[in-house]
N, C-alpha and C. Protein backbone atom coordinates (compact mmCIF):
# COMPACT_ATOMS: atom_id res chain seq x y z
N MET A 1 1.17 7.69 -20.32
CA MET A 1 1.77 8.30 -19.14
C MET A 1 1.57 7.34 -17.96
N SER A 2 2.58 7.22 -17.11
CA SER A 2 2.46 6.34 -15.95
C SER A 2 2.47 7.13 -14.65
N ARG A 3 1.95 6.48 -13.61
CA ARG A 3 1.89 7.08 -12.28
C ARG A 3 2.60 6.17 -11.30
N LYS A 4 3.30 6.77 -10.37
CA LYS A 4 4.00 6.01 -9.34
C LYS A 4 3.01 5.67 -8.22
N ILE A 5 3.08 4.44 -7.76
CA ILE A 5 2.26 4.05 -6.62
C ILE A 5 3.14 3.49 -5.52
N LEU A 6 2.77 3.76 -4.29
CA LEU A 6 3.43 3.22 -3.10
C LEU A 6 2.34 2.60 -2.24
N ALA A 7 2.58 1.38 -1.80
CA ALA A 7 1.62 0.71 -0.92
C ALA A 7 2.40 0.00 0.18
N TYR A 8 1.82 -0.05 1.34
CA TYR A 8 2.46 -0.63 2.52
C TYR A 8 1.63 -1.82 2.99
N PHE A 9 2.31 -2.86 3.52
CA PHE A 9 1.63 -4.09 3.87
C PHE A 9 2.08 -4.61 5.23
N ASP A 10 1.19 -5.42 5.85
CA ASP A 10 1.46 -6.06 7.13
C ASP A 10 2.47 -7.19 7.03
N SER A 11 2.60 -7.74 5.83
CA SER A 11 3.47 -8.92 5.67
C SER A 11 4.06 -8.97 4.27
N GLU A 12 5.13 -9.72 4.15
CA GLU A 12 5.74 -9.94 2.85
C GLU A 12 4.78 -10.70 1.94
N ASN A 13 4.02 -11.64 2.51
CA ASN A 13 3.06 -12.41 1.72
C ASN A 13 2.02 -11.51 1.07
N ASP A 14 1.46 -10.56 1.82
CA ASP A 14 0.48 -9.63 1.25
C ASP A 14 1.10 -8.78 0.16
N ALA A 15 2.32 -8.32 0.38
CA ALA A 15 3.01 -7.49 -0.61
C ALA A 15 3.29 -8.27 -1.89
N GLU A 16 3.76 -9.51 -1.75
CA GLU A 16 4.06 -10.34 -2.92
C GLU A 16 2.78 -10.73 -3.66
N SER A 17 1.70 -10.96 -2.93
CA SER A 17 0.41 -11.25 -3.56
C SER A 17 -0.07 -10.06 -4.37
N ALA A 18 0.06 -8.86 -3.81
CA ALA A 18 -0.31 -7.65 -4.53
C ALA A 18 0.56 -7.48 -5.77
N LYS A 19 1.85 -7.75 -5.64
CA LYS A 19 2.77 -7.64 -6.78
C LYS A 19 2.33 -8.58 -7.91
N ALA A 20 2.00 -9.82 -7.56
CA ALA A 20 1.57 -10.79 -8.58
C ALA A 20 0.29 -10.32 -9.27
N THR A 21 -0.63 -9.77 -8.50
CA THR A 21 -1.88 -9.27 -9.07
C THR A 21 -1.62 -8.08 -9.98
N LEU A 22 -0.75 -7.17 -9.56
CA LEU A 22 -0.45 -6.00 -10.38
C LEU A 22 0.22 -6.37 -11.70
N GLN A 23 0.94 -7.50 -11.72
CA GLN A 23 1.64 -7.92 -12.94
C GLN A 23 0.68 -8.20 -14.09
N THR A 24 -0.63 -8.34 -13.79
CA THR A 24 -1.62 -8.56 -14.85
C THR A 24 -1.99 -7.25 -15.55
N LEU A 25 -1.52 -6.13 -15.02
CA LEU A 25 -1.79 -4.81 -15.58
C LEU A 25 -0.55 -4.28 -16.30
N LYS A 26 -0.69 -3.10 -16.86
CA LYS A 26 0.45 -2.43 -17.51
C LYS A 26 1.25 -1.71 -16.44
N VAL A 27 2.18 -2.44 -15.83
CA VAL A 27 3.03 -1.90 -14.78
C VAL A 27 4.49 -2.19 -15.10
N CYS A 28 5.36 -1.42 -14.49
CA CYS A 28 6.79 -1.68 -14.61
C CYS A 28 7.48 -1.24 -13.31
N HIS A 29 8.70 -1.66 -13.16
CA HIS A 29 9.51 -1.31 -11.99
C HIS A 29 8.80 -1.65 -10.68
N VAL A 30 8.23 -2.86 -10.63
CA VAL A 30 7.52 -3.30 -9.42
C VAL A 30 8.54 -3.87 -8.44
N ILE A 31 8.59 -3.28 -7.26
CA ILE A 31 9.57 -3.67 -6.23
C ILE A 31 8.85 -3.89 -4.91
N VAL A 32 9.18 -4.98 -4.23
CA VAL A 32 8.73 -5.20 -2.86
C VAL A 32 9.96 -5.18 -1.98
N ASP A 33 9.89 -4.43 -0.90
CA ASP A 33 11.05 -4.30 -0.01
C ASP A 33 10.60 -4.24 1.44
N LYS A 34 11.44 -4.74 2.32
CA LYS A 34 11.18 -4.67 3.76
C LYS A 34 11.50 -3.26 4.23
N LEU A 35 10.63 -2.71 5.05
CA LEU A 35 10.87 -1.38 5.59
C LEU A 35 11.94 -1.46 6.68
N PRO A 36 12.89 -0.54 6.68
CA PRO A 36 13.92 -0.54 7.72
C PRO A 36 13.34 -0.12 9.07
N ASP A 37 13.94 -0.58 10.12
CA ASP A 37 13.54 -0.14 11.46
C ASP A 37 13.94 1.31 11.62
N THR A 38 13.05 2.07 12.23
CA THR A 38 13.29 3.50 12.42
C THR A 38 12.54 3.97 13.66
N ASP A 39 12.97 5.07 14.22
CA ASP A 39 12.27 5.65 15.35
C ASP A 39 11.11 6.55 14.91
N GLU A 40 11.06 6.84 13.61
CA GLU A 40 10.02 7.71 13.08
C GLU A 40 8.67 7.00 13.16
N LYS A 41 7.65 7.71 13.63
CA LYS A 41 6.30 7.17 13.72
C LYS A 41 5.49 7.66 12.52
N VAL A 42 5.05 6.73 11.70
CA VAL A 42 4.26 7.05 10.53
C VAL A 42 2.95 6.31 10.64
N SER A 43 1.84 6.97 10.36
CA SER A 43 0.53 6.33 10.39
C SER A 43 0.09 5.99 8.97
N TYR A 44 -0.56 4.84 8.83
CA TYR A 44 -1.02 4.34 7.54
C TYR A 44 -2.52 4.07 7.61
N ILE A 45 -3.20 4.28 6.50
CA ILE A 45 -4.63 4.00 6.43
C ILE A 45 -4.86 3.03 5.26
N PRO A 46 -5.91 2.21 5.35
CA PRO A 46 -6.20 1.28 4.24
C PRO A 46 -6.52 2.03 2.96
N PHE A 47 -6.17 1.42 1.82
CA PHE A 47 -6.60 1.98 0.55
C PHE A 47 -8.11 1.96 0.51
N THR A 48 -8.70 2.98 -0.10
CA THR A 48 -10.14 3.09 -0.23
C THR A 48 -10.48 3.34 -1.69
N PRO A 49 -11.73 3.09 -2.06
CA PRO A 49 -12.10 3.38 -3.46
C PRO A 49 -11.77 4.83 -3.81
N THR A 50 -11.28 5.05 -5.01
CA THR A 50 -10.92 6.39 -5.46
C THR A 50 -12.12 7.31 -5.38
N GLY A 51 -11.87 8.52 -4.92
CA GLY A 51 -12.92 9.51 -4.84
C GLY A 51 -13.45 9.68 -3.43
N GLN A 52 -13.19 8.71 -2.55
CA GLN A 52 -13.63 8.87 -1.17
C GLN A 52 -12.62 9.75 -0.45
N SER A 53 -13.12 10.66 0.33
CA SER A 53 -12.21 11.55 1.04
C SER A 53 -11.73 10.90 2.32
N GLN A 54 -10.60 11.32 2.81
CA GLN A 54 -10.07 10.79 4.05
C GLN A 54 -11.03 11.05 5.19
N GLY A 55 -11.71 12.17 5.17
CA GLY A 55 -12.66 12.49 6.22
C GLY A 55 -13.78 11.47 6.31
N ALA A 56 -14.14 10.88 5.18
CA ALA A 56 -15.22 9.90 5.17
C ALA A 56 -14.80 8.58 5.80
N ILE A 57 -13.50 8.27 5.76
CA ILE A 57 -13.07 6.98 6.30
C ILE A 57 -12.46 7.11 7.68
N GLY A 58 -12.16 8.32 8.11
CA GLY A 58 -11.56 8.52 9.42
C GLY A 58 -10.26 7.77 9.57
N THR A 59 -10.07 7.13 10.71
CA THR A 59 -8.84 6.38 10.94
C THR A 59 -9.14 4.90 11.15
N ILE A 60 -10.19 4.40 10.52
CA ILE A 60 -10.51 2.98 10.62
C ILE A 60 -9.35 2.18 10.04
N GLY A 61 -8.86 1.22 10.79
CA GLY A 61 -7.78 0.38 10.31
C GLY A 61 -6.42 1.05 10.36
N LEU A 62 -6.29 2.11 11.10
CA LEU A 62 -5.02 2.83 11.19
C LEU A 62 -3.91 1.91 11.69
N LYS A 63 -2.76 1.95 11.04
CA LYS A 63 -1.60 1.13 11.42
C LYS A 63 -0.40 2.05 11.62
N ASN A 64 0.58 1.55 12.33
CA ASN A 64 1.83 2.28 12.53
C ASN A 64 2.99 1.41 12.13
N HIS A 65 4.08 2.02 11.74
CA HIS A 65 5.31 1.29 11.44
C HIS A 65 6.20 1.35 12.67
N ASN A 66 6.79 0.21 12.99
CA ASN A 66 7.77 0.12 14.08
C ASN A 66 7.19 0.53 15.42
N SER A 67 5.96 0.08 15.68
CA SER A 67 5.39 0.36 16.99
C SER A 67 5.99 -0.63 17.99
N GLU A 68 5.71 -0.44 19.25
CA GLU A 68 6.28 -1.32 20.26
C GLU A 68 5.74 -2.73 20.15
N GLU A 69 4.55 -2.90 19.60
CA GLU A 69 4.01 -4.22 19.37
C GLU A 69 4.08 -4.49 17.88
N ASN A 70 4.92 -5.42 17.43
CA ASN A 70 5.15 -5.66 16.01
C ASN A 70 4.02 -6.39 15.32
N GLU A 71 3.23 -7.16 16.07
CA GLU A 71 2.18 -7.95 15.43
C GLU A 71 1.19 -7.06 14.71
N GLY A 72 0.92 -7.38 13.43
CA GLY A 72 -0.06 -6.64 12.65
C GLY A 72 0.39 -5.26 12.22
N GLN A 73 1.66 -4.99 12.26
CA GLN A 73 2.14 -3.66 11.88
C GLN A 73 2.70 -3.68 10.45
N VAL A 74 2.76 -2.53 9.86
CA VAL A 74 3.24 -2.39 8.49
C VAL A 74 4.74 -2.73 8.45
N THR A 75 5.10 -3.65 7.55
CA THR A 75 6.49 -4.11 7.48
C THR A 75 7.11 -4.04 6.09
N HIS A 76 6.27 -3.98 5.04
CA HIS A 76 6.79 -4.05 3.67
C HIS A 76 6.19 -2.95 2.78
N LEU A 77 6.98 -2.56 1.80
CA LEU A 77 6.62 -1.53 0.84
C LEU A 77 6.58 -2.13 -0.56
N LEU A 78 5.57 -1.77 -1.32
CA LEU A 78 5.51 -2.11 -2.74
C LEU A 78 5.53 -0.80 -3.51
N GLU A 79 6.41 -0.72 -4.47
CA GLU A 79 6.54 0.47 -5.31
C GLU A 79 6.43 0.04 -6.76
N ALA A 80 5.72 0.82 -7.58
CA ALA A 80 5.55 0.47 -8.99
C ALA A 80 5.18 1.69 -9.80
N GLN A 81 5.33 1.55 -11.10
CA GLN A 81 4.83 2.52 -12.07
C GLN A 81 3.69 1.85 -12.80
N VAL A 82 2.54 2.48 -12.83
CA VAL A 82 1.37 1.91 -13.51
C VAL A 82 0.87 2.89 -14.56
N GLU A 83 0.48 2.34 -15.71
CA GLU A 83 -0.05 3.20 -16.76
C GLU A 83 -1.37 3.80 -16.31
N GLU A 84 -1.61 5.03 -16.70
CA GLU A 84 -2.80 5.78 -16.29
C GLU A 84 -4.08 4.98 -16.51
N GLU A 85 -4.18 4.29 -17.64
CA GLU A 85 -5.42 3.55 -17.97
C GLU A 85 -5.69 2.40 -17.00
N ASP A 86 -4.67 1.91 -16.30
CA ASP A 86 -4.83 0.81 -15.34
C ASP A 86 -4.77 1.28 -13.89
N PHE A 87 -4.69 2.58 -13.67
CA PHE A 87 -4.50 3.09 -12.32
C PHE A 87 -5.65 2.70 -11.38
N GLU A 88 -6.89 2.85 -11.82
CA GLU A 88 -8.04 2.53 -10.97
C GLU A 88 -8.03 1.05 -10.60
N LYS A 89 -7.75 0.18 -11.55
CA LYS A 89 -7.67 -1.26 -11.26
C LYS A 89 -6.55 -1.54 -10.28
N ALA A 90 -5.42 -0.88 -10.45
CA ALA A 90 -4.29 -1.08 -9.54
C ALA A 90 -4.67 -0.70 -8.11
N MET A 91 -5.37 0.42 -7.95
CA MET A 91 -5.80 0.83 -6.61
C MET A 91 -6.75 -0.20 -6.00
N GLN A 92 -7.64 -0.75 -6.82
CA GLN A 92 -8.56 -1.78 -6.33
C GLN A 92 -7.78 -3.03 -5.92
N TYR A 93 -6.79 -3.43 -6.69
CA TYR A 93 -5.98 -4.60 -6.37
C TYR A 93 -5.22 -4.39 -5.05
N LEU A 94 -4.71 -3.19 -4.85
CA LEU A 94 -4.00 -2.90 -3.59
C LEU A 94 -4.96 -2.96 -2.41
N MET A 95 -6.16 -2.46 -2.60
CA MET A 95 -7.17 -2.52 -1.55
C MET A 95 -7.55 -3.97 -1.27
N ASP A 96 -7.72 -4.79 -2.32
CA ASP A 96 -8.09 -6.19 -2.17
C ASP A 96 -7.00 -7.00 -1.47
N ASN A 97 -5.75 -6.54 -1.57
CA ASN A 97 -4.62 -7.25 -0.97
C ASN A 97 -4.17 -6.62 0.34
N ASN A 98 -5.08 -5.88 0.99
CA ASN A 98 -4.83 -5.30 2.31
C ASN A 98 -3.71 -4.27 2.32
N GLY A 99 -3.62 -3.48 1.26
CA GLY A 99 -2.60 -2.44 1.19
C GLY A 99 -2.98 -1.21 1.98
N TYR A 100 -1.95 -0.48 2.40
CA TYR A 100 -2.11 0.77 3.15
C TYR A 100 -1.38 1.87 2.43
N GLU A 101 -1.80 3.10 2.70
CA GLU A 101 -1.08 4.29 2.21
C GLU A 101 -0.77 5.17 3.41
N ILE A 102 0.12 6.10 3.21
CA ILE A 102 0.49 7.00 4.30
C ILE A 102 -0.66 7.96 4.57
N GLU A 103 -0.97 8.12 5.85
CA GLU A 103 -2.05 9.02 6.24
C GLU A 103 -1.60 10.46 6.04
N GLY A 104 -2.52 11.26 5.52
CA GLY A 104 -2.24 12.68 5.38
C GLY A 104 -1.63 12.94 4.09
């Protein structure tokens, strides 16, 4: 059984690096795409080790998409299907490559 993962990155380089790392696992349908400009404000938090609650990490490293200051903001999305047995490793790889997830 596979699980869908979505990760957000500050740059195309970080997203492509994460994609290359994920390719060492049992993954398929790995896509990196630039996020479109939008007026919607979405907050992102860094990936954390599995099992940690959001309350424990607070909003450390909180990022926004399409904020008025573009530097250091989330710009790219990585989407993939990962086999259940490799899910924990995939989450660690996303964390190691500066990946973010949607807050909440």
